[in-house]
Amino acid sequence: MSLLSKVVRSMRTIAPLELADTAWDNVGILVEPPYPVSSCNKVFLTIDLTPQVLDEALSDPGVGTIVAYHPPIFRAMKRLTQQDVKQDIVMKAIARGVGIYSPHTACDNCVDGVNDWLASGLGEGQTEPIVPAQNPPEGHEKAGTGRLFTFREPVPLSTVVERVKKLTGLHFLRVARTEENPLIKTAAICAGSGSSVLNSVEADLFFSGEMGHHDVLAALAQGTNVILCEHTNTERGYLTAVLQPKLQALLNNEKTEHGDAIQVIVSKVDKDPLVIV
């Protein structure tokens, strides 16, 4: 069995594809190289597979599979040329025998996924999906879209802000407040771009990566505070904190075709394109 096949089997245990929002998302195996390098023993994790991140992955001859949280292939491709960045990434991966797998919203919606990781940093309380999954697979009965977190005791917004900073490793956040330092009892959570999931939810706080200007104004008008971290800053920490150890634990029982142990590594180049200066 190829390294890619072993990774797919493990990833589908961690984040079953049945939980993905497949009406619009593009998940699963995106690149299956016809001539994989059998000696490769490393799985490379990243949020975004940019040209710079791909160069980092391909500079390590041990990397045989890339797990890119965001799908590098999203829209249909009618040709493969070097002039298009996405097409060039696909061709280079195939040429080097490297497979690409994307879990995206399956990782958002699964139990112990990205949204549960975000909720874990808020303190003591209870978490439930905003939209529960229909007929979830075994072990993911509490899966679904977004999370509604209820604090055991109300917490000042300033305390929540500090907890989010600690969880994400960020020094700065964007915050919209209904008053100077309101008490927060409930927080609606959606990693990445949250407007479509959060707008209809009643909560004291919306916690996401990004929302539109008018969506933030609408939230304030209904008495909801907002914390925004920038899109991928709500996702990247999950790779090291949760996905890497879980995937490594499953792959510890596997070997490459050459009998070598499999190692899961995380990109050091991958980062959010926006910084506050």
C-alpha atoms as a PDB file:
ATOM      1  CA  MET A   1       0.000   0.000   0.000  1.00  0.00           C
ATOM      2  CA  SER A   2       1.338   3.432  -0.953  1.00  0.00           C
ATOM      3  CA  LEU A   3       2.104   6.164   1.571  1.00  0.00           C
ATOM      4  CA  LEU A   4      -0.804   8.196   0.181  1.00  0.00           C
ATOM      5  CA  SER A   5      -3.209   5.282   0.729  1.00  0.00           C
ATOM      6  CA  LYS A   6      -2.067   4.895   4.326  1.00  0.00           C
ATOM      7  CA  VAL A   7      -2.527   8.608   4.944  1.00  0.00           C
ATOM      8  CA  VAL A   8      -5.992   8.606   3.366  1.00  0.00           C
ATOM      9  CA  ARG A   9      -7.126   5.706   5.547  1.00  0.00           C
ATOM     10  CA  SER A  10      -5.920   7.481   8.696  1.00  0.00           C
ATOM     11  CA  MET A  11      -7.304  10.875   7.704  1.00  0.00           C
ATOM     12  CA  ARG A  12     -10.718   9.394   7.019  1.00  0.00           C
ATOM     13  CA  THR A  13     -10.695   8.047  10.584  1.00  0.00           C
ATOM     14  CA  ILE A  14      -9.783  11.465  11.995  1.00  0.00           C
ATOM     15  CA  ALA A  15     -12.030  13.520   9.701  1.00  0.00           C
ATOM     16  CA  PRO A  16     -14.505  11.390   7.712  1.00  0.00           C
ATOM     17  CA  LEU A  17     -15.255  12.933   4.337  1.00  0.00           C
ATOM     18  CA  GLU A  18     -18.973  12.342   4.931  1.00  0.00           C
ATOM     19  CA  LEU A  19     -18.812  15.335   7.279  1.00  0.00           C
ATOM     20  CA  ALA A  20     -17.504  17.756   4.637  1.00  0.00           C
ATOM     21  CA  ASP A  21     -19.683  20.420   3.025  1.00  0.00           C
ATOM     22  CA  THR A  22     -19.417  18.773  -0.379  1.00  0.00           C
ATOM     23  CA  ALA A  23     -22.065  21.021  -1.933  1.00  0.00           C
ATOM     24  CA  TRP A  24     -19.227  23.480  -2.499  1.00  0.00           C
ATOM     25  CA  ASP A  25     -16.041  22.049  -0.979  1.00  0.00           C
ATOM     26  CA  ASN A  26     -13.428  19.897  -2.756  1.00  0.00           C
ATOM     27  CA  VAL A  27     -12.041  17.311  -0.354  1.00  0.00           C
ATOM     28  CA  GLY A  28     -10.215  13.987  -0.431  1.00  0.00           C
ATOM     29  CA  ILE A  29      -7.437  12.899  -2.793  1.00  0.00           C
ATOM     30  CA  LEU A  30      -6.678  15.789  -5.138  1.00  0.00           C
ATOM     31  CA  VAL A  31      -3.427  14.494  -6.634  1.00  0.00           C
ATOM     32  CA  GLU A  32      -2.665  10.782  -6.963  1.00  0.00           C
ATOM     33  CA  PRO A  33       0.742  10.481  -8.652  1.00  0.00           C
ATOM     34  CA  PRO A  34       1.010   7.564 -11.105  1.00  0.00           C
ATOM     35  CA  TYR A  35       4.630   6.981 -10.088  1.00  0.00           C
ATOM     36  CA  PRO A  36       4.945   7.583  -6.332  1.00  0.00           C
ATOM     37  CA  VAL A  37       8.397   7.319  -4.764  1.00  0.00           C
ATOM     38  CA  SER A  38       8.248   4.197  -2.610  1.00  0.00           C
ATOM     39  CA  SER A  39      11.147   5.283  -0.382  1.00  0.00           C
ATOM     40  CA  CYS A  40       9.333   8.389   0.915  1.00  0.00           C
ATOM     41  CA  ASN A  41       8.357   8.213   4.592  1.00  0.00           C
ATOM     42  CA  LYS A  42       7.184  11.737   5.493  1.00  0.00           C
ATOM     43  CA  VAL A  43       3.727  13.314   5.538  1.00  0.00           C
ATOM     44  CA  PHE A  44       3.781  17.103   5.240  1.00  0.00           C
ATOM     45  CA  LEU A  45       0.975  19.180   6.811  1.00  0.00           C
ATOM     46  CA  THR A  46       0.056  22.715   5.750  1.00  0.00           C
ATOM     47  CA  ILE A  47      -2.955  25.018   5.738  1.00  0.00           C
ATOM     48  CA  ASP A  48      -2.227  26.623   2.356  1.00  0.00           C
ATOM     49  CA  LEU A  49      -0.174  24.950  -0.356  1.00  0.00           C
ATOM     50  CA  THR A  50       1.471  28.026  -1.853  1.00  0.00           C
ATOM     51  CA  PRO A  51       4.482  27.892  -4.217  1.00  0.00           C
ATOM     52  CA  GLN A  52       6.749  28.706  -1.270  1.00  0.00           C
ATOM     53  CA  VAL A  53       5.256  25.941   0.875  1.00  0.00           C
ATOM     54  CA  LEU A  54       5.500  23.472  -2.007  1.00  0.00           C
ATOM     55  CA  ASP A  55       9.190  24.341  -2.416  1.00  0.00           C
ATOM     56  CA  GLU A  56       9.658  23.640   1.294  1.00  0.00           C
ATOM     57  CA  ALA A  57       7.949  20.260   0.975  1.00  0.00           C
ATOM     58  CA  LEU A  58       9.810  19.213  -2.175  1.00  0.00           C
ATOM     59  CA  SER A  59      13.160  20.273  -0.709  1.00  0.00           C
ATOM     60  CA  ASP A  60      12.819  17.299   1.646  1.00  0.00           C
ATOM     61  CA  PRO A  61      13.287  14.093  -0.390  1.00  0.00           C
ATOM     62  CA  GLY A  62      11.448  12.140   2.290  1.00  0.00           C
ATOM     63  CA  VAL A  63       8.109  13.890   1.708  1.00  0.00           C
ATOM     64  CA  GLY A  64       5.756  11.653  -0.267  1.00  0.00           C
ATOM     65  CA  THR A  65       2.335  13.011   0.705  1.00  0.00           C
ATOM     66  CA  ILE A  66       1.085  16.523   1.412  1.00  0.00           C
ATOM     67  CA  VAL A  67      -2.026  17.076   3.517  1.00  0.00           C
ATOM     68  CA  ALA A  68      -3.175  20.577   2.531  1.00  0.00           C
ATOM     69  CA  TYR A  69      -6.092  21.706   4.686  1.00  0.00           C
ATOM     70  CA  HIS A  70      -7.292  24.143   2.016  1.00  0.00           C
ATOM     71  CA  PRO A  71      -7.741  22.349  -1.336  1.00  0.00           C
ATOM     72  CA  PRO A  72      -5.174  23.638  -3.858  1.00  0.00           C
ATOM     73  CA  ILE A  73      -7.542  22.432  -6.593  1.00  0.00           C
ATOM     74  CA  PHE A  74     -10.904  24.112  -6.161  1.00  0.00           C
ATOM     75  CA  ARG A  75     -12.177  25.191  -9.557  1.00  0.00           C
ATOM     76  CA  ALA A  76     -12.120  23.128 -12.738  1.00  0.00           C
ATOM     77  CA  MET A  77      -8.873  23.103 -14.718  1.00  0.00           C
ATOM     78  CA  LYS A  78      -9.121  23.006 -18.513  1.00  0.00           C
ATOM     79  CA  ARG A  79      -5.374  22.825 -19.083  1.00  0.00           C
ATOM     80  CA  LEU A  80      -2.128  22.393 -17.159  1.00  0.00           C
ATOM     81  CA  THR A  81       0.402  25.168 -17.727  1.00  0.00           C
ATOM     82  CA  GLN A  82       3.205  26.740 -15.740  1.00  0.00           C
ATOM     83  CA  GLN A  83       1.664  30.187 -16.112  1.00  0.00           C
ATOM     84  CA  ASP A  84      -1.142  29.315 -13.674  1.00  0.00           C
ATOM     85  CA  VAL A  85       0.038  29.044 -10.053  1.00  0.00           C
ATOM     86  CA  LYS A  86      -2.390  26.278  -9.039  1.00  0.00           C
ATOM     87  CA  GLN A  87      -1.733  24.229 -12.165  1.00  0.00           C
ATOM     88  CA  ASP A  88       2.018  24.604 -11.677  1.00  0.00           C
ATOM     89  CA  ILE A  89       1.720  23.295  -8.097  1.00  0.00           C
ATOM     90  CA  VAL A  90      -0.196  20.234  -9.296  1.00  0.00           C
ATOM     91  CA  MET A  91       2.296  19.467 -12.069  1.00  0.00           C
ATOM     92  CA  LYS A  92       5.319  19.811  -9.803  1.00  0.00           C
ATOM     93  CA  ALA A  93       3.771  17.476  -7.230  1.00  0.00           C
ATOM     94  CA  ILE A  94       2.978  14.866  -9.880  1.00  0.00           C
ATOM     95  CA  ALA A  95       6.457  15.189 -11.389  1.00  0.00           C
ATOM     96  CA  ARG A  96       8.020  14.457  -8.007  1.00  0.00           C
ATOM     97  CA  GLY A  97       5.624  11.601  -7.225  1.00  0.00           C
ATOM     98  CA  VAL A  98       4.009  13.452  -4.319  1.00  0.00           C
ATOM     99  CA  GLY A  99       0.320  12.977  -3.499  1.00  0.00           C
ATOM    100  CA  ILE A 100      -1.975  15.714  -2.192  1.00  0.00           C
ATOM    101  CA  TYR A 101      -4.948  15.204   0.133  1.00  0.00           C
ATOM    102  CA  SER A 102      -7.304  17.896   1.435  1.00  0.00           C
ATOM    103  CA  PRO A 103      -9.691  17.444   4.389  1.00  0.00           C
ATOM    104  CA  HIS A 104     -10.897  21.082   4.725  1.00  0.00           C
ATOM    105  CA  THR A 105     -14.494  21.201   6.041  1.00  0.00           C
ATOM    106  CA  ALA A 106     -14.328  17.551   7.134  1.00  0.00           C
ATOM    107  CA  CYS A 107     -11.684  18.735   9.612  1.00  0.00           C
ATOM    108  CA  ASP A 108     -13.835  21.716  10.587  1.00  0.00           C
ATOM    109  CA  ASN A 109     -16.925  19.642  11.297  1.00  0.00           C
ATOM    110  CA  CYS A 110     -15.536  16.443  12.841  1.00  0.00           C
ATOM    111  CA  VAL A 111     -15.213  15.723  16.537  1.00  0.00           C
ATOM    112  CA  ASP A 112     -11.861  17.073  17.814  1.00  0.00           C
ATOM    113  CA  GLY A 113     -11.623  19.104  14.628  1.00  0.00           C
ATOM    114  CA  VAL A 114     -10.665  22.720  14.045  1.00  0.00           C
ATOM    115  CA  ASN A 115     -13.778  24.234  15.643  1.00  0.00           C
ATOM    116  CA  ASP A 116     -13.483  22.004  18.706  1.00  0.00           C
ATOM    117  CA  TRP A 117      -9.832  23.080  19.004  1.00  0.00           C
ATOM    118  CA  LEU A 118     -10.932  26.731  18.980  1.00  0.00           C
ATOM    119  CA  ALA A 119     -13.541  26.007  21.649  1.00  0.00           C
ATOM    120  CA  SER A 120     -10.949  24.228  23.791  1.00  0.00           C
ATOM    121  CA  GLY A 121      -9.092  27.489  24.347  1.00  0.00           C
ATOM    122  CA  LEU A 122     -12.026  29.435  25.756  1.00  0.00           C
ATOM    123  CA  GLY A 123     -12.119  27.873  29.222  1.00  0.00           C
ATOM    124  CA  GLU A 124     -14.558  25.646  31.085  1.00  0.00           C
ATOM    125  CA  GLY A 125     -17.921  25.061  29.480  1.00  0.00           C
ATOM    126  CA  GLN A 126     -19.967  22.945  27.096  1.00  0.00           C
ATOM    127  CA  THR A 127     -19.707  22.704  23.322  1.00  0.00           C
ATOM    128  CA  GLU A 128     -22.320  21.672  20.772  1.00  0.00           C
ATOM    129  CA  PRO A 129     -22.507  22.002  16.978  1.00  0.00           C
ATOM    130  CA  ILE A 130     -24.431  24.946  15.579  1.00  0.00           C
ATOM    131  CA  VAL A 131     -25.792  22.689  12.825  1.00  0.00           C
ATOM    132  CA  PRO A 132     -25.561  19.011  13.868  1.00  0.00           C
ATOM    133  CA  ALA A 133     -24.370  16.543  11.234  1.00  0.00           C
ATOM    134  CA  GLN A 134     -27.013  14.299   9.697  1.00  0.00           C
ATOM    135  CA  ASN A 135     -26.281  10.578  10.154  1.00  0.00           C
ATOM    136  CA  PRO A 136     -22.709  11.134  11.374  1.00  0.00           C
ATOM    137  CA  PRO A 137     -20.271   8.189  11.283  1.00  0.00           C
ATOM    138  CA  GLU A 138     -19.486   6.266  14.432  1.00  0.00           C
ATOM    139  CA  GLY A 139     -17.315   8.228  16.821  1.00  0.00           C
ATOM    140  CA  HIS A 140     -18.469  11.557  15.407  1.00  0.00           C
ATOM    141  CA  GLU A 141     -21.967  11.731  16.838  1.00  0.00           C
ATOM    142  CA  LYS A 142     -21.330  15.302  18.060  1.00  0.00           C
ATOM    143  CA  ALA A 143     -20.011  16.485  14.695  1.00  0.00           C
ATOM    144  CA  GLY A 144     -21.509  19.341  12.729  1.00  0.00           C
ATOM    145  CA  THR A 145     -20.995  22.820  11.336  1.00  0.00           C
ATOM    146  CA  GLY A 146     -19.643  25.471  13.709  1.00  0.00           C
ATOM    147  CA  ARG A 147     -19.733  25.291  17.491  1.00  0.00           C
ATOM    148  CA  LEU A 148     -21.776  27.007  20.193  1.00  0.00           C
ATOM    149  CA  PHE A 149     -19.747  27.229  23.391  1.00  0.00           C
ATOM    150  CA  THR A 150     -21.495  27.957  26.707  1.00  0.00           C
ATOM    151  CA  PHE A 151     -19.198  29.114  29.507  1.00  0.00           C
ATOM    152  CA  ARG A 152     -19.691  27.526  32.914  1.00  0.00           C
ATOM    153  CA  GLU A 153     -19.676  31.068  34.348  1.00  0.00           C
ATOM    154  CA  PRO A 154     -19.891  34.351  32.413  1.00  0.00           C
ATOM    155  CA  VAL A 155     -16.451  35.713  31.511  1.00  0.00           C
ATOM    156  CA  PRO A 156     -15.423  39.304  30.654  1.00  0.00           C
ATOM    157  CA  LEU A 157     -14.687  39.834  26.965  1.00  0.00           C
ATOM    158  CA  SER A 158     -11.170  40.983  27.850  1.00  0.00           C
ATOM    159  CA  THR A 159     -10.504  37.567  29.413  1.00  0.00           C
ATOM    160  CA  VAL A 160     -11.795  35.774  26.321  1.00  0.00           C
ATOM    161  CA  VAL A 161      -9.535  37.940  24.150  1.00  0.00           C
ATOM    162  CA  GLU A 162      -6.477  36.935  26.189  1.00  0.00           C
ATOM    163  CA  ARG A 163      -7.439  33.261  25.985  1.00  0.00           C
ATOM    164  CA  VAL A 164      -7.803  33.469  22.203  1.00  0.00           C
ATOM    165  CA  LYS A 165      -4.408  35.151  21.941  1.00  0.00           C
ATOM    166  CA  LYS A 166      -2.855  32.367  24.007  1.00  0.00           C
ATOM    167  CA  LEU A 167      -4.515  29.646  21.922  1.00  0.00           C
ATOM    168  CA  THR A 168      -3.570  31.127  18.549  1.00  0.00           C
ATOM    169  CA  GLY A 169      -0.208  32.625  19.511  1.00  0.00           C
ATOM    170  CA  LEU A 170      -1.319  36.018  18.189  1.00  0.00           C
ATOM    171  CA  HIS A 171      -0.330  39.367  19.698  1.00  0.00           C
ATOM    172  CA  PHE A 172      -3.217  41.252  18.110  1.00  0.00           C
ATOM    173  CA  LEU A 173      -6.868  40.490  17.291  1.00  0.00           C
ATOM    174  CA  ARG A 174      -9.661  42.489  15.682  1.00  0.00           C
ATOM    175  CA  VAL A 175     -12.443  43.011  18.208  1.00  0.00           C
ATOM    176  CA  ALA A 176     -15.880  44.644  17.895  1.00  0.00           C
ATOM    177  CA  ARG A 177     -17.526  45.375  21.261  1.00  0.00           C
ATOM    178  CA  THR A 178     -21.089  46.219  22.203  1.00  0.00           C
ATOM    179  CA  GLU A 179     -19.743  47.989  25.307  1.00  0.00           C
ATOM    180  CA  GLU A 180     -16.403  48.448  27.047  1.00  0.00           C
ATOM    181  CA  ASN A 181     -16.008  44.991  28.610  1.00  0.00           C
ATOM    182  CA  PRO A 182     -19.226  42.947  28.421  1.00  0.00           C
ATOM    183  CA  LEU A 183     -19.706  39.600  30.111  1.00  0.00           C
ATOM    184  CA  ILE A 184     -19.743  36.629  27.728  1.00  0.00           C
ATOM    185  CA  LYS A 185     -21.891  33.587  28.423  1.00  0.00           C
ATOM    186  CA  THR A 186     -22.106  32.060  24.930  1.00  0.00           C
ATOM    187  CA  ALA A 187     -19.720  32.088  21.961  1.00  0.00           C
ATOM    188  CA  ALA A 188     -20.563  30.977  18.422  1.00  0.00           C
ATOM    189  CA  ILE A 189     -17.456  29.667  16.677  1.00  0.00           C
ATOM    190  CA  CYS A 190     -16.566  29.140  13.035  1.00  0.00           C
ATOM    191  CA  ALA A 191     -13.004  28.726  11.787  1.00  0.00           C
ATOM    192  CA  GLY A 192     -11.967  30.626   8.666  1.00  0.00           C
ATOM    193  CA  SER A 193     -14.738  32.727   7.153  1.00  0.00           C
ATOM    194  CA  GLY A 194     -17.644  32.673   9.569  1.00  0.00           C
ATOM    195  CA  SER A 195     -20.448  34.905   8.311  1.00  0.00           C
ATOM    196  CA  SER A 196     -22.534  32.252   6.570  1.00  0.00           C
ATOM    197  CA  VAL A 197     -22.525  30.046   9.666  1.00  0.00           C
ATOM    198  CA  LEU A 198     -22.727  32.665  12.420  1.00  0.00           C
ATOM    199  CA  ASN A 199     -25.085  35.352  11.128  1.00  0.00           C
ATOM    200  CA  SER A 200     -28.267  33.558  12.194  1.00  0.00           C
ATOM    201  CA  VAL A 201     -26.975  32.460  15.614  1.00  0.00           C
ATOM    202  CA  GLU A 202     -27.920  34.120  18.886  1.00  0.00           C
ATOM    203  CA  ALA A 203     -24.815  34.408  21.057  1.00  0.00           C
ATOM    204  CA  ASP A 204     -22.900  36.958  23.125  1.00  0.00           C
ATOM    205  CA  LEU A 205     -19.831  36.535  20.951  1.00  0.00           C
ATOM    206  CA  PHE A 206     -18.911  35.530  17.403  1.00  0.00           C
ATOM    207  CA  PHE A 207     -15.396  34.020  17.197  1.00  0.00           C
ATOM    208  CA  SER A 208     -14.032  33.526  13.679  1.00  0.00           C
ATOM    209  CA  GLY A 209     -11.203  34.278  11.301  1.00  0.00           C
ATOM    210  CA  GLU A 210     -12.959  36.842   9.137  1.00  0.00           C
ATOM    211  CA  MET A 211     -16.378  38.412   8.591  1.00  0.00           C
ATOM    212  CA  GLY A 212     -17.647  41.097   6.265  1.00  0.00           C
ATOM    213  CA  HIS A 213     -17.891  44.692   7.488  1.00  0.00           C
ATOM    214  CA  HIS A 214     -21.680  44.765   7.317  1.00  0.00           C
ATOM    215  CA  ASP A 215     -21.931  41.364   9.002  1.00  0.00           C
ATOM    216  CA  VAL A 216     -19.968  42.761  11.948  1.00  0.00           C
ATOM    217  CA  LEU A 217     -22.256  45.801  12.098  1.00  0.00           C
ATOM    218  CA  ALA A 218     -25.297  43.525  12.059  1.00  0.00           C
ATOM    219  CA  ALA A 219     -23.810  41.447  14.882  1.00  0.00           C
ATOM    220  CA  LEU A 220     -23.263  44.535  17.035  1.00  0.00           C
ATOM    221  CA  ALA A 221     -26.807  45.714  16.305  1.00  0.00           C
ATOM    222  CA  GLN A 222     -28.178  42.464  17.747  1.00  0.00           C
ATOM    223  CA  GLY A 223     -25.940  42.723  20.815  1.00  0.00           C
ATOM    224  CA  THR A 224     -23.237  40.296  19.713  1.00  0.00           C
ATOM    225  CA  ASN A 225     -19.528  41.017  20.175  1.00  0.00           C
ATOM    226  CA  VAL A 226     -17.012  39.833  17.573  1.00  0.00           C
ATOM    227  CA  ILE A 227     -13.448  38.468  17.713  1.00  0.00           C
ATOM    228  CA  LEU A 228     -11.616  38.025  14.388  1.00  0.00           C
ATOM    229  CA  CYS A 229      -8.130  36.540  14.041  1.00  0.00           C
ATOM    230  CA  GLU A 230      -7.699  36.582  10.210  1.00  0.00           C
ATOM    231  CA  HIS A 231      -8.762  33.550   8.222  1.00  0.00           C
ATOM    232  CA  THR A 232      -6.008  30.958   8.616  1.00  0.00           C
ATOM    233  CA  ASN A 233      -4.977  32.050  12.119  1.00  0.00           C
ATOM    234  CA  THR A 234      -8.070  30.204  13.347  1.00  0.00           C
ATOM    235  CA  GLU A 235      -6.890  27.027  11.587  1.00  0.00           C
ATOM    236  CA  ARG A 236      -3.092  26.804  11.630  1.00  0.00           C
ATOM    237  CA  GLY A 237      -2.579  26.005  15.301  1.00  0.00           C
ATOM    238  CA  TYR A 238      -4.790  22.931  14.920  1.00  0.00           C
ATOM    239  CA  LEU A 239      -2.161  21.266  12.751  1.00  0.00           C
ATOM    240  CA  THR A 240       0.484  21.131  15.478  1.00  0.00           C
ATOM    241  CA  ALA A 241      -1.824  20.870  18.484  1.00  0.00           C
ATOM    242  CA  VAL A 242      -4.201  18.187  17.210  1.00  0.00           C
ATOM    243  CA  LEU A 243      -3.779  16.835  13.681  1.00  0.00           C
ATOM    244  CA  GLN A 244      -0.056  16.059  13.759  1.00  0.00           C
ATOM    245  CA  PRO A 245      -0.181  13.940  16.956  1.00  0.00           C
ATOM    246  CA  LYS A 246      -3.423  12.193  15.965  1.00  0.00           C
ATOM    247  CA  LEU A 247      -2.193  11.331  12.476  1.00  0.00           C
ATOM    248  CA  GLN A 248       1.209  10.295  13.810  1.00  0.00           C
ATOM    249  CA  ALA A 249      -0.406   7.966  16.357  1.00  0.00           C
ATOM    250  CA  LEU A 250      -2.379   6.185  13.630  1.00  0.00           C
ATOM    251  CA  LEU A 251       0.614   5.953  11.294  1.00  0.00           C
ATOM    252  CA  ASN A 252       2.877   4.601  14.032  1.00  0.00           C
ATOM    253  CA  ASN A 253       1.296   1.235  13.240  1.00  0.00           C
ATOM    254  CA  GLU A 254       2.315   1.539   9.571  1.00  0.00           C
ATOM    255  CA  LYS A 255       5.587   1.220   7.637  1.00  0.00           C
ATOM    256  CA  THR A 256       6.626   2.330   4.160  1.00  0.00           C
ATOM    257  CA  GLU A 257       7.133  -0.197   1.387  1.00  0.00           C
ATOM    258  CA  HIS A 258      10.810  -0.190   2.417  1.00  0.00           C
ATOM    259  CA  GLY A 259       9.933  -0.915   6.052  1.00  0.00           C
ATOM    260  CA  ASP A 260      10.681   2.590   7.369  1.00  0.00           C
ATOM    261  CA  ALA A 261       8.686   4.361  10.067  1.00  0.00           C
ATOM    262  CA  ILE A 262       6.389   7.142   8.844  1.00  0.00           C
ATOM    263  CA  GLN A 263       6.919  10.683  10.163  1.00  0.00           C
ATOM    264  CA  VAL A 264       4.367  13.509  10.179  1.00  0.00           C
ATOM    265  CA  ILE A 265       5.808  17.030   9.913  1.00  0.00           C
ATOM    266  CA  VAL A 266       4.279  20.531   9.784  1.00  0.00           C
ATOM    267  CA  SER A 267       5.256  23.327   7.414  1.00  0.00           C
ATOM    268  CA  LYS A 268       7.391  26.112   8.867  1.00  0.00           C
ATOM    269  CA  VAL A 269       6.813  28.403   5.880  1.00  0.00           C
ATOM    270  CA  ASP A 270       2.993  28.336   5.837  1.00  0.00           C
ATOM    271  CA  LYS A 271       1.529  31.517   7.321  1.00  0.00           C
ATOM    272  CA  ASP A 272      -1.426  33.862   7.024  1.00  0.00           C
ATOM    273  CA  PRO A 273      -0.820  36.356   4.183  1.00  0.00           C
ATOM    274  CA  LEU A 274      -2.097  39.281   6.289  1.00  0.00           C
ATOM    275  CA  VAL A 275      -0.112  40.813   9.147  1.00  0.00           C
ATOM    276  CA  ILE A 276      -0.858  43.791  11.384  1.00  0.00           C
ATOM    277  CA  VAL A 277       1.974  46.358  11.165  1.00  0.00           C
END
